[in-house]
């Protein structure tokens, strides 16, 4: 692809900046890529659901496909944001909200998040009782490990897939990103490490708490309520860490970027969300204990 100023077809202008016309074209192509990603993943989900009906592997296939969808769509949104195409901020937030709603409606029970998978494991473990609990716990640990493995495998696959799409140069933005060897920078490079970790912890806590509190709502309301909270968390913490609060998603979108070491990324994007989720779980347990105590002893503090 010729990128010189004297070429007949220039994917970007000689100053290296995209004008308004190019930016709208970039946005349009990215929206088509997002729609195509969701459509392809939905076809794969339905096919796997039929082929693996009644099999334990069906849940793992849904986890793999839905996590791939989440990571691939986030890659495209991140590219738009880094290039300034999804401006003004209201547009970026609208895209985040819409993507969150679509993800929730199409996930088919998949958590797409190692933190969420751990929360589900702890919740199911807390409800277990009777004989054979140890055996069931062992099976649940194996299922948790398989889910998390599927999520990270999907994260790697999504990163490779979007790069193949970008390499085709479907838009000026894609062509520029391909020409830069898919270079990106992590936002944590400009923030103190502990502050970045605290932001990820806080975002994970808020989102998990909202999802827990919204379980009593009808699905139509619950999906939009949680998507709104995710959008607010992205608005609040996006400039500091990108507000990922998902270890698998961060492994796909943030770990390949410059600006930090593997240990720093692990602390911020892995430990932060896990601590936030664990805090929500502990708060839930404390609420149950307090409720049971008040039921038996009304004056229990």
C-alpha atoms as a PDB file:
ATOM      1  CA  UNK A   1       0.000   0.000   0.000  1.00  0.00           C
ATOM      2  CA  UNK A   2       1.587   3.259  -1.149  1.00  0.00           C
ATOM      3  CA  UNK A   3       1.528   5.933   1.530  1.00  0.00           C
ATOM      4  CA  UNK A   4       3.677   8.615  -0.123  1.00  0.00           C
ATOM      5  CA  UNK A   5       2.338  12.108  -0.723  1.00  0.00           C
ATOM      6  CA  UNK A   6       2.650  11.692  -4.473  1.00  0.00           C
ATOM      7  CA  UNK A   7       0.681   8.470  -4.629  1.00  0.00           C
ATOM      8  CA  UNK A   8      -2.658   8.179  -6.377  1.00  0.00           C
ATOM      9  CA  UNK A   9      -4.422   6.678  -3.367  1.00  0.00           C
ATOM     10  CA  UNK A  10      -3.427   8.067   0.033  1.00  0.00           C
ATOM     11  CA  UNK A  11      -4.930   6.308   3.059  1.00  0.00           C
ATOM     12  CA  UNK A  12      -4.057   9.402   5.115  1.00  0.00           C
ATOM     13  CA  UNK A  13      -2.983  12.898   4.215  1.00  0.00           C
ATOM     14  CA  UNK A  14       0.600  14.153   3.997  1.00  0.00           C
ATOM     15  CA  UNK A  15       0.522  15.699   7.439  1.00  0.00           C
ATOM     16  CA  UNK A  16      -0.331  12.305   8.946  1.00  0.00           C
ATOM     17  CA  UNK A  17      -3.686  13.520  10.251  1.00  0.00           C
ATOM     18  CA  UNK A  18      -7.169  12.476   9.274  1.00  0.00           C
ATOM     19  CA  UNK A  19      -9.696  15.115   8.383  1.00  0.00           C
ATOM     20  CA  UNK A  20     -13.360  15.097   9.393  1.00  0.00           C
ATOM     21  CA  UNK A  21     -14.331  13.182   6.260  1.00  0.00           C
ATOM     22  CA  UNK A  22     -11.777  10.471   6.907  1.00  0.00           C
ATOM     23  CA  UNK A  23     -12.801  10.279  10.568  1.00  0.00           C
ATOM     24  CA  UNK A  24     -16.446   9.688   9.668  1.00  0.00           C
ATOM     25  CA  UNK A  25     -15.379   7.025   7.199  1.00  0.00           C
ATOM     26  CA  UNK A  26     -13.195   5.416   9.871  1.00  0.00           C
ATOM     27  CA  UNK A  27     -16.103   5.434  12.318  1.00  0.00           C
ATOM     28  CA  UNK A  28     -18.449   3.917   9.756  1.00  0.00           C
ATOM     29  CA  UNK A  29     -16.041   1.086   8.938  1.00  0.00           C
ATOM     30  CA  UNK A  30     -15.432   0.387  12.627  1.00  0.00           C
ATOM     31  CA  UNK A  31     -19.176   0.209  13.282  1.00  0.00           C
ATOM     32  CA  UNK A  32     -19.475  -2.322  10.468  1.00  0.00           C
ATOM     33  CA  UNK A  33     -16.601  -4.314  11.971  1.00  0.00           C
ATOM     34  CA  UNK A  34     -18.333  -4.281  15.360  1.00  0.00           C
ATOM     35  CA  UNK A  35     -21.618  -5.420  13.824  1.00  0.00           C
ATOM     36  CA  UNK A  36     -19.865  -8.125  11.817  1.00  0.00           C
ATOM     37  CA  UNK A  37     -18.054  -9.365  14.916  1.00  0.00           C
ATOM     38  CA  UNK A  38     -21.285  -9.665  16.895  1.00  0.00           C
ATOM     39  CA  UNK A  39     -23.054 -11.369  13.994  1.00  0.00           C
ATOM     40  CA  UNK A  40     -20.256 -13.886  13.416  1.00  0.00           C
ATOM     41  CA  UNK A  41     -20.036 -14.706  17.125  1.00  0.00           C
ATOM     42  CA  UNK A  42     -23.810 -15.099  17.378  1.00  0.00           C
ATOM     43  CA  UNK A  43     -23.775 -17.572  14.478  1.00  0.00           C
ATOM     44  CA  UNK A  44     -20.955 -19.471  16.202  1.00  0.00           C
ATOM     45  CA  UNK A  45     -22.854 -19.460  19.511  1.00  0.00           C
ATOM     46  CA  UNK A  46     -26.007 -20.875  17.959  1.00  0.00           C
ATOM     47  CA  UNK A  47     -24.068 -23.514  16.039  1.00  0.00           C
ATOM     48  CA  UNK A  48     -22.155 -24.604  19.148  1.00  0.00           C
ATOM     49  CA  UNK A  49     -25.376 -24.629  21.156  1.00  0.00           C
ATOM     50  CA  UNK A  50     -26.924 -27.091  18.712  1.00  0.00           C
ATOM     51  CA  UNK A  51     -23.836 -29.229  18.275  1.00  0.00           C
ATOM     52  CA  UNK A  52     -23.039 -29.388  22.004  1.00  0.00           C
ATOM     53  CA  UNK A  53     -26.593 -29.513  23.316  1.00  0.00           C
ATOM     54  CA  UNK A  54     -26.714 -31.467  26.555  1.00  0.00           C
ATOM     55  CA  UNK A  55     -22.927 -31.507  26.828  1.00  0.00           C
ATOM     56  CA  UNK A  56     -20.825 -29.865  29.527  1.00  0.00           C
ATOM     57  CA  UNK A  57     -18.671 -28.415  26.769  1.00  0.00           C
ATOM     58  CA  UNK A  58     -21.505 -26.164  25.643  1.00  0.00           C
ATOM     59  CA  UNK A  59     -20.885 -23.729  28.505  1.00  0.00           C
ATOM     60  CA  UNK A  60     -17.170 -23.603  27.713  1.00  0.00           C
ATOM     61  CA  UNK A  61     -17.878 -22.948  24.042  1.00  0.00           C
ATOM     62  CA  UNK A  62     -20.213 -20.089  24.990  1.00  0.00           C
ATOM     63  CA  UNK A  63     -17.516 -18.687  27.291  1.00  0.00           C
ATOM     64  CA  UNK A  64     -14.915 -18.877  24.552  1.00  0.00           C
ATOM     65  CA  UNK A  65     -17.068 -17.283  21.853  1.00  0.00           C
ATOM     66  CA  UNK A  66     -18.581 -14.565  24.047  1.00  0.00           C
ATOM     67  CA  UNK A  67     -15.198 -13.571  25.490  1.00  0.00           C
ATOM     68  CA  UNK A  68     -13.764 -13.411  21.986  1.00  0.00           C
ATOM     69  CA  UNK A  69     -16.627 -11.098  21.013  1.00  0.00           C
ATOM     70  CA  UNK A  70     -16.012  -8.854  24.025  1.00  0.00           C
ATOM     71  CA  UNK A  71     -12.274  -8.612  23.401  1.00  0.00           C
ATOM     72  CA  UNK A  72     -12.576  -8.050  19.654  1.00  0.00           C
ATOM     73  CA  UNK A  73     -15.178  -5.295  20.071  1.00  0.00           C
ATOM     74  CA  UNK A  74     -13.118  -3.639  22.801  1.00  0.00           C
ATOM     75  CA  UNK A  75     -10.038  -3.682  20.567  1.00  0.00           C
ATOM     76  CA  UNK A  76     -11.989  -1.764  17.917  1.00  0.00           C
ATOM     77  CA  UNK A  77     -13.388   0.703  20.451  1.00  0.00           C
ATOM     78  CA  UNK A  78      -9.914   1.223  21.933  1.00  0.00           C
ATOM     79  CA  UNK A  79      -8.509   1.919  18.484  1.00  0.00           C
ATOM     80  CA  UNK A  80     -11.214   4.511  17.865  1.00  0.00           C
ATOM     81  CA  UNK A  81     -10.569   6.143  21.223  1.00  0.00           C
ATOM     82  CA  UNK A  82      -6.781   6.207  20.909  1.00  0.00           C
ATOM     83  CA  UNK A  83      -7.025   7.824  17.476  1.00  0.00           C
ATOM     84  CA  UNK A  84      -9.580  10.394  18.648  1.00  0.00           C
ATOM     85  CA  UNK A  85     -12.178   9.172  16.154  1.00  0.00           C
ATOM     86  CA  UNK A  86     -14.812   8.483  18.820  1.00  0.00           C
ATOM     87  CA  UNK A  87     -14.960  12.137  19.840  1.00  0.00           C
ATOM     88  CA  UNK A  88     -16.687  13.988  21.453  1.00  0.00           C
ATOM     89  CA  UNK A  89     -16.624  11.933  24.682  1.00  0.00           C
ATOM     90  CA  UNK A  90     -20.389  11.512  24.522  1.00  0.00           C
ATOM     91  CA  UNK A  91     -19.977   9.417  21.374  1.00  0.00           C
ATOM     92  CA  UNK A  92     -17.351   7.199  23.026  1.00  0.00           C
ATOM     93  CA  UNK A  93     -19.612   6.681  26.040  1.00  0.00           C
ATOM     94  CA  UNK A  94     -22.584   5.908  23.792  1.00  0.00           C
ATOM     95  CA  UNK A  95     -20.523   3.265  21.968  1.00  0.00           C
ATOM     96  CA  UNK A  96     -19.406   1.793  25.299  1.00  0.00           C
ATOM     97  CA  UNK A  97     -22.993   1.650  26.554  1.00  0.00           C
ATOM     98  CA  UNK A  98     -24.330   0.099  23.344  1.00  0.00           C
ATOM     99  CA  UNK A  99     -21.552  -2.491  23.249  1.00  0.00           C
ATOM    100  CA  UNK A 100     -22.178  -3.406  26.897  1.00  0.00           C
ATOM    101  CA  UNK A 101     -25.887  -3.894  26.250  1.00  0.00           C
ATOM    102  CA  UNK A 102     -25.267  -6.069  23.190  1.00  0.00           C
ATOM    103  CA  UNK A 103     -22.654  -8.097  25.067  1.00  0.00           C
ATOM    104  CA  UNK A 104     -25.037  -8.741  27.957  1.00  0.00           C
ATOM    105  CA  UNK A 105     -27.892  -9.733  25.651  1.00  0.00           C
ATOM    106  CA  UNK A 106     -25.796 -12.166  23.598  1.00  0.00           C
ATOM    107  CA  UNK A 107     -23.508 -13.761  26.204  1.00  0.00           C
ATOM    108  CA  UNK A 108     -25.903 -16.640  27.049  1.00  0.00           C
ATOM    109  CA  UNK A 109     -24.753 -16.995  30.649  1.00  0.00           C
ATOM    110  CA  UNK A 110     -21.033 -16.580  29.960  1.00  0.00           C
ATOM    111  CA  UNK A 111     -19.189 -14.331  32.421  1.00  0.00           C
ATOM    112  CA  UNK A 112     -16.405 -13.348  29.971  1.00  0.00           C
ATOM    113  CA  UNK A 113     -14.425 -12.253  33.020  1.00  0.00           C
ATOM    114  CA  UNK A 114     -12.179 -14.315  35.336  1.00  0.00           C
ATOM    115  CA  UNK A 115     -13.311 -12.144  38.255  1.00  0.00           C
ATOM    116  CA  UNK A 116     -16.930 -12.899  37.438  1.00  0.00           C
ATOM    117  CA  UNK A 117     -16.149 -16.594  37.114  1.00  0.00           C
ATOM    118  CA  UNK A 118     -14.522 -16.545  40.566  1.00  0.00           C
ATOM    119  CA  UNK A 119     -17.527 -14.733  42.018  1.00  0.00           C
ATOM    120  CA  UNK A 120     -19.874 -17.360  40.571  1.00  0.00           C
ATOM    121  CA  UNK A 121     -17.680 -20.144  41.955  1.00  0.00           C
ATOM    122  CA  UNK A 122     -17.677 -18.619  45.454  1.00  0.00           C
ATOM    123  CA  UNK A 123     -21.431 -18.041  45.344  1.00  0.00           C
ATOM    124  CA  UNK A 124     -22.154 -21.635  44.299  1.00  0.00           C
ATOM    125  CA  UNK A 125     -19.671 -22.983  46.828  1.00  0.00           C
ATOM    126  CA  UNK A 126     -21.357 -20.993  49.593  1.00  0.00           C
ATOM    127  CA  UNK A 127     -24.706 -22.561  48.745  1.00  0.00           C
ATOM    128  CA  UNK A 128     -23.383 -26.159  48.851  1.00  0.00           C
ATOM    129  CA  UNK A 129     -24.310 -28.446  51.729  1.00  0.00           C
ATOM    130  CA  UNK A 130     -24.669 -32.113  52.632  1.00  0.00           C
ATOM    131  CA  UNK A 131     -22.561 -35.129  51.704  1.00  0.00           C
ATOM    132  CA  UNK A 132     -20.299 -35.025  48.702  1.00  0.00           C
ATOM    133  CA  UNK A 133     -19.568 -31.317  49.091  1.00  0.00           C
ATOM    134  CA  UNK A 134     -15.824 -31.947  48.779  1.00  0.00           C
ATOM    135  CA  UNK A 135     -16.340 -33.827  45.525  1.00  0.00           C
ATOM    136  CA  UNK A 136     -18.601 -31.119  44.146  1.00  0.00           C
ATOM    137  CA  UNK A 137     -16.092 -28.463  45.173  1.00  0.00           C
ATOM    138  CA  UNK A 138     -13.352 -30.293  43.303  1.00  0.00           C
ATOM    139  CA  UNK A 139     -15.515 -30.441  40.193  1.00  0.00           C
ATOM    140  CA  UNK A 140     -16.324 -26.756  40.532  1.00  0.00           C
ATOM    141  CA  UNK A 141     -12.640 -25.856  40.821  1.00  0.00           C
ATOM    142  CA  UNK A 142     -11.975 -27.796  37.614  1.00  0.00           C
ATOM    143  CA  UNK A 143     -14.905 -26.043  35.915  1.00  0.00           C
ATOM    144  CA  UNK A 144     -13.608 -22.654  37.101  1.00  0.00           C
ATOM    145  CA  UNK A 145     -10.130 -23.398  35.740  1.00  0.00           C
ATOM    146  CA  UNK A 146     -11.636 -24.474  32.410  1.00  0.00           C
ATOM    147  CA  UNK A 147     -13.741 -21.303  32.180  1.00  0.00           C
ATOM    148  CA  UNK A 148     -10.782 -19.054  32.921  1.00  0.00           C
ATOM    149  CA  UNK A 149      -8.628 -20.959  30.414  1.00  0.00           C
ATOM    150  CA  UNK A 150     -11.319 -20.436  27.769  1.00  0.00           C
ATOM    151  CA  UNK A 151     -11.431 -16.725  28.564  1.00  0.00           C
ATOM    152  CA  UNK A 152      -7.680 -16.235  28.205  1.00  0.00           C
ATOM    153  CA  UNK A 153      -7.583 -18.382  25.062  1.00  0.00           C
ATOM    154  CA  UNK A 154     -10.316 -16.182  23.603  1.00  0.00           C
ATOM    155  CA  UNK A 155      -8.361 -13.070  24.615  1.00  0.00           C
ATOM    156  CA  UNK A 156      -5.329 -14.266  22.640  1.00  0.00           C
ATOM    157  CA  UNK A 157      -7.471 -15.337  19.677  1.00  0.00           C
ATOM    158  CA  UNK A 158      -9.272 -11.982  19.583  1.00  0.00           C
ATOM    159  CA  UNK A 159      -5.985 -10.076  19.528  1.00  0.00           C
ATOM    160  CA  UNK A 160      -4.780 -12.159  16.569  1.00  0.00           C
ATOM    161  CA  UNK A 161      -8.134 -11.888  14.771  1.00  0.00           C
ATOM    162  CA  UNK A 162      -8.450  -8.107  14.955  1.00  0.00           C
ATOM    163  CA  UNK A 163      -4.895  -7.704  13.695  1.00  0.00           C
ATOM    164  CA  UNK A 164      -5.784  -9.806  10.674  1.00  0.00           C
ATOM    165  CA  UNK A 165      -8.775  -7.549  10.064  1.00  0.00           C
ATOM    166  CA  UNK A 166      -6.742  -4.358  10.525  1.00  0.00           C
ATOM    167  CA  UNK A 167      -4.062  -5.664   8.141  1.00  0.00           C
ATOM    168  CA  UNK A 168      -6.623  -5.526   5.313  1.00  0.00           C
ATOM    169  CA  UNK A 169      -6.697  -1.725   5.622  1.00  0.00           C
ATOM    170  CA  UNK A 170     -10.466  -1.463   5.414  1.00  0.00           C
ATOM    171  CA  UNK A 171     -10.228   2.124   6.660  1.00  0.00           C
ATOM    172  CA  UNK A 172      -7.617   4.836   6.934  1.00  0.00           C
ATOM    173  CA  UNK A 173      -7.446   4.175  10.674  1.00  0.00           C
ATOM    174  CA  UNK A 174      -6.849   0.470  10.173  1.00  0.00           C
ATOM    175  CA  UNK A 175      -4.165   1.159   7.572  1.00  0.00           C
ATOM    176  CA  UNK A 176      -2.326   3.563   9.873  1.00  0.00           C
ATOM    177  CA  UNK A 177      -2.459   1.125  12.756  1.00  0.00           C
ATOM    178  CA  UNK A 178      -1.169  -1.682  10.559  1.00  0.00           C
ATOM    179  CA  UNK A 179       1.651   0.552   9.267  1.00  0.00           C
ATOM    180  CA  UNK A 180       2.703   1.285  12.870  1.00  0.00           C
ATOM    181  CA  UNK A 181       2.976  -2.463  13.573  1.00  0.00           C
ATOM    182  CA  UNK A 182      -0.123  -2.208  15.810  1.00  0.00           C
ATOM    183  CA  UNK A 183       1.741  -0.001  18.273  1.00  0.00           C
ATOM    184  CA  UNK A 184      -0.213   1.198  21.304  1.00  0.00           C
ATOM    185  CA  UNK A 185       0.499   2.794  24.666  1.00  0.00           C
ATOM    186  CA  UNK A 186      -0.992   1.903  28.018  1.00  0.00           C
ATOM    187  CA  UNK A 187      -2.558   4.723  30.037  1.00  0.00           C
ATOM    188  CA  UNK A 188      -0.970   3.478  33.281  1.00  0.00           C
ATOM    189  CA  UNK A 189       2.382   4.848  32.122  1.00  0.00           C
ATOM    190  CA  UNK A 190       1.274   8.319  33.201  1.00  0.00           C
ATOM    191  CA  UNK A 191      -0.192   7.405  36.594  1.00  0.00           C
ATOM    192  CA  UNK A 192       1.282   6.146  39.890  1.00  0.00           C
ATOM    193  CA  UNK A 193       1.095   2.369  40.007  1.00  0.00           C
ATOM    194  CA  UNK A 194      -0.891   2.139  43.242  1.00  0.00           C
ATOM    195  CA  UNK A 195      -3.350   4.753  42.002  1.00  0.00           C
ATOM    196  CA  UNK A 196      -3.885   2.758  38.812  1.00  0.00           C
ATOM    197  CA  UNK A 197      -4.431  -0.439  40.819  1.00  0.00           C
ATOM    198  CA  UNK A 198      -6.869   1.384  43.104  1.00  0.00           C
ATOM    199  CA  UNK A 199      -8.839   2.637  40.083  1.00  0.00           C
ATOM    200  CA  UNK A 200      -9.191  -0.889  38.686  1.00  0.00           C
ATOM    201  CA  UNK A 201     -10.183  -2.195  42.118  1.00  0.00           C
ATOM    202  CA  UNK A 202     -12.793   0.539  42.553  1.00  0.00           C
ATOM    203  CA  UNK A 203     -14.224   0.049  39.054  1.00  0.00           C
ATOM    204  CA  UNK A 204     -14.468  -3.716  39.553  1.00  0.00           C
ATOM    205  CA  UNK A 205     -16.115  -3.233  42.937  1.00  0.00           C
ATOM    206  CA  UNK A 206     -18.721  -0.814  41.579  1.00  0.00           C
ATOM    207  CA  UNK A 207     -19.583  -2.942  38.539  1.00  0.00           C
ATOM    208  CA  UNK A 208     -19.758  -6.247  40.451  1.00  0.00           C
ATOM    209  CA  UNK A 209     -21.811  -4.625  43.203  1.00  0.00           C
ATOM    210  CA  UNK A 210     -24.203  -3.196  40.608  1.00  0.00           C
ATOM    211  CA  UNK A 211     -24.543  -6.576  38.898  1.00  0.00           C
ATOM    212  CA  UNK A 212     -25.214  -8.219  42.260  1.00  0.00           C
ATOM    213  CA  UNK A 213     -27.783  -5.614  43.254  1.00  0.00           C
ATOM    214  CA  UNK A 214     -29.534  -5.752  39.880  1.00  0.00           C
ATOM    215  CA  UNK A 215     -30.275  -9.486  40.022  1.00  0.00           C
ATOM    216  CA  UNK A 216     -33.715  -8.820  41.421  1.00  0.00           C
ATOM    217  CA  UNK A 217     -34.649  -6.655  38.406  1.00  0.00           C
ATOM    218  CA  UNK A 218     -36.280  -7.886  35.229  1.00  0.00           C
ATOM    219  CA  UNK A 219     -33.723  -8.745  32.551  1.00  0.00           C
ATOM    220  CA  UNK A 220     -34.685  -5.791  30.354  1.00  0.00           C
ATOM    221  CA  UNK A 221     -34.000  -3.340  33.178  1.00  0.00           C
ATOM    222  CA  UNK A 222     -31.018  -5.237  34.590  1.00  0.00           C
ATOM    223  CA  UNK A 223     -29.069  -5.203  31.331  1.00  0.00           C
ATOM    224  CA  UNK A 224     -29.420  -1.446  30.875  1.00  0.00           C
ATOM    225  CA  UNK A 225     -28.727  -0.691  34.533  1.00  0.00           C
ATOM    226  CA  UNK A 226     -25.465  -2.625  34.557  1.00  0.00           C
ATOM    227  CA  UNK A 227     -24.463  -1.191  31.160  1.00  0.00           C
ATOM    228  CA  UNK A 228     -25.016   2.313  32.534  1.00  0.00           C
ATOM    229  CA  UNK A 229     -22.789   1.558  35.535  1.00  0.00           C
ATOM    230  CA  UNK A 230     -20.080   0.134  33.243  1.00  0.00           C
ATOM    231  CA  UNK A 231     -20.255   3.290  31.127  1.00  0.00           C
ATOM    232  CA  UNK A 232     -19.906   5.521  34.190  1.00  0.00           C
ATOM    233  CA  UNK A 233     -16.944   3.457  35.416  1.00  0.00           C
ATOM    234  CA  UNK A 234     -15.257   3.823  32.024  1.00  0.00           C
ATOM    235  CA  UNK A 235     -15.869   7.574  32.121  1.00  0.00           C
ATOM    236  CA  UNK A 236     -14.442   7.868  35.643  1.00  0.00           C
ATOM    237  CA  UNK A 237     -11.388   5.633  35.298  1.00  0.00           C
ATOM    238  CA  UNK A 238     -10.721   5.503  31.583  1.00  0.00           C
ATOM    239  CA  UNK A 239      -8.065   8.213  31.544  1.00  0.00           C
ATOM    240  CA  UNK A 240      -6.057   6.483  34.285  1.00  0.00           C
ATOM    241  CA  UNK A 241      -6.154   2.796  33.349  1.00  0.00           C
ATOM    242  CA  UNK A 242      -8.622   2.438  30.501  1.00  0.00           C
ATOM    243  CA  UNK A 243     -11.120   1.133  33.089  1.00  0.00           C
ATOM    244  CA  UNK A 244     -10.860  -2.491  31.968  1.00  0.00           C
ATOM    245  CA  UNK A 245     -11.685  -4.288  35.278  1.00  0.00           C
ATOM    246  CA  UNK A 246     -11.452  -7.640  33.498  1.00  0.00           C
ATOM    247  CA  UNK A 247      -8.186  -9.656  33.642  1.00  0.00           C
ATOM    248  CA  UNK A 248      -8.782 -11.515  30.362  1.00  0.00           C
ATOM    249  CA  UNK A 249      -9.827  -8.384  28.505  1.00  0.00           C
ATOM    250  CA  UNK A 250      -6.779  -6.530  29.839  1.00  0.00           C
ATOM    251  CA  UNK A 251      -4.515  -9.384  28.728  1.00  0.00           C
ATOM    252  CA  UNK A 252      -5.870  -8.938  25.209  1.00  0.00           C
ATOM    253  CA  UNK A 253      -6.001  -5.133  24.941  1.00  0.00           C
ATOM    254  CA  UNK A 254      -3.504  -3.673  27.440  1.00  0.00           C
ATOM    255  CA  UNK A 255      -0.675  -6.160  27.969  1.00  0.00           C
ATOM    256  CA  UNK A 256       0.692  -5.852  24.388  1.00  0.00           C
ATOM    257  CA  UNK A 257       1.001  -2.059  24.793  1.00  0.00           C
ATOM    258  CA  UNK A 258       4.062  -0.132  25.895  1.00  0.00           C
ATOM    259  CA  UNK A 259       4.102   1.858  29.121  1.00  0.00           C
ATOM    260  CA  UNK A 260       4.504  -0.823  31.774  1.00  0.00           C
ATOM    261  CA  UNK A 261       6.091  -4.147  32.635  1.00  0.00           C
ATOM    262  CA  UNK A 262       4.313  -7.487  32.870  1.00  0.00           C
ATOM    263  CA  UNK A 263       4.492  -7.297  36.670  1.00  0.00           C
ATOM    264  CA  UNK A 264       2.953  -3.805  36.690  1.00  0.00           C
ATOM    265  CA  UNK A 265       0.168  -4.867  34.334  1.00  0.00           C
ATOM    266  CA  UNK A 266      -0.482  -7.946  36.481  1.00  0.00           C
ATOM    267  CA  UNK A 267      -0.797  -5.847  39.618  1.00  0.00           C
ATOM    268  CA  UNK A 268      -3.123  -3.280  38.054  1.00  0.00           C
ATOM    269  CA  UNK A 269      -5.226  -5.376  35.675  1.00  0.00           C
ATOM    270  CA  UNK A 270      -5.261  -8.752  37.436  1.00  0.00           C
ATOM    271  CA  UNK A 271      -4.934  -8.124  41.157  1.00  0.00           C
ATOM    272  CA  UNK A 272      -7.019  -4.927  41.090  1.00  0.00           C
ATOM    273  CA  UNK A 273     -10.214  -6.468  39.660  1.00  0.00           C
ATOM    274  CA  UNK A 274      -9.847  -9.612  41.777  1.00  0.00           C
ATOM    275  CA  UNK A 275      -9.577  -7.525  44.941  1.00  0.00           C
ATOM    276  CA  UNK A 276     -12.644  -5.520  43.920  1.00  0.00           C
ATOM    277  CA  UNK A 277     -14.660  -8.669  43.257  1.00  0.00           C
ATOM    278  CA  UNK A 278     -13.529 -10.278  46.511  1.00  0.00           C
ATOM    279  CA  UNK A 279     -14.572  -7.178  48.436  1.00  0.00           C
ATOM    280  CA  UNK A 280     -18.048  -7.384  46.896  1.00  0.00           C
ATOM    281  CA  UNK A 281     -18.250 -11.072  47.820  1.00  0.00           C
ATOM    282  CA  UNK A 282     -17.174 -10.403  51.404  1.00  0.00           C
ATOM    283  CA  UNK A 283     -19.711  -7.569  51.699  1.00  0.00           C
ATOM    284  CA  UNK A 284     -22.391  -9.956  50.481  1.00  0.00           C
ATOM    285  CA  UNK A 285     -21.413 -12.575  53.055  1.00  0.00           C
ATOM    286  CA  UNK A 286     -21.410  -9.959  55.812  1.00  0.00           C
ATOM    287  CA  UNK A 287     -24.896  -8.823  54.775  1.00  0.00           C
ATOM    288  CA  UNK A 288     -26.179 -12.405  54.921  1.00  0.00           C
ATOM    289  CA  UNK A 289     -24.653 -12.941  58.350  1.00  0.00           C
ATOM    290  CA  UNK A 290     -26.099  -9.666  59.641  1.00  0.00           C
ATOM    291  CA  UNK A 291     -29.517 -10.489  58.209  1.00  0.00           C
ATOM    292  CA  UNK A 292     -29.523 -13.965  59.790  1.00  0.00           C
ATOM    293  CA  UNK A 293     -28.353 -12.543  63.095  1.00  0.00           C
ATOM    294  CA  UNK A 294     -31.120  -9.944  63.124  1.00  0.00           C
ATOM    295  CA  UNK A 295     -33.713 -12.610  62.304  1.00  0.00           C
ATOM    296  CA  UNK A 296     -32.658 -14.666  65.353  1.00  0.00           C
ATOM    297  CA  UNK A 297     -31.628 -11.884  67.702  1.00  0.00           C
ATOM    298  CA  UNK A 298     -33.448  -8.655  66.811  1.00  0.00           C
ATOM    299  CA  UNK A 299     -31.002  -6.567  68.844  1.00  0.00           C
ATOM    300  CA  UNK A 300     -27.924  -8.122  67.275  1.00  0.00           C
ATOM    301  CA  UNK A 301     -25.479  -5.472  66.109  1.00  0.00           C
END
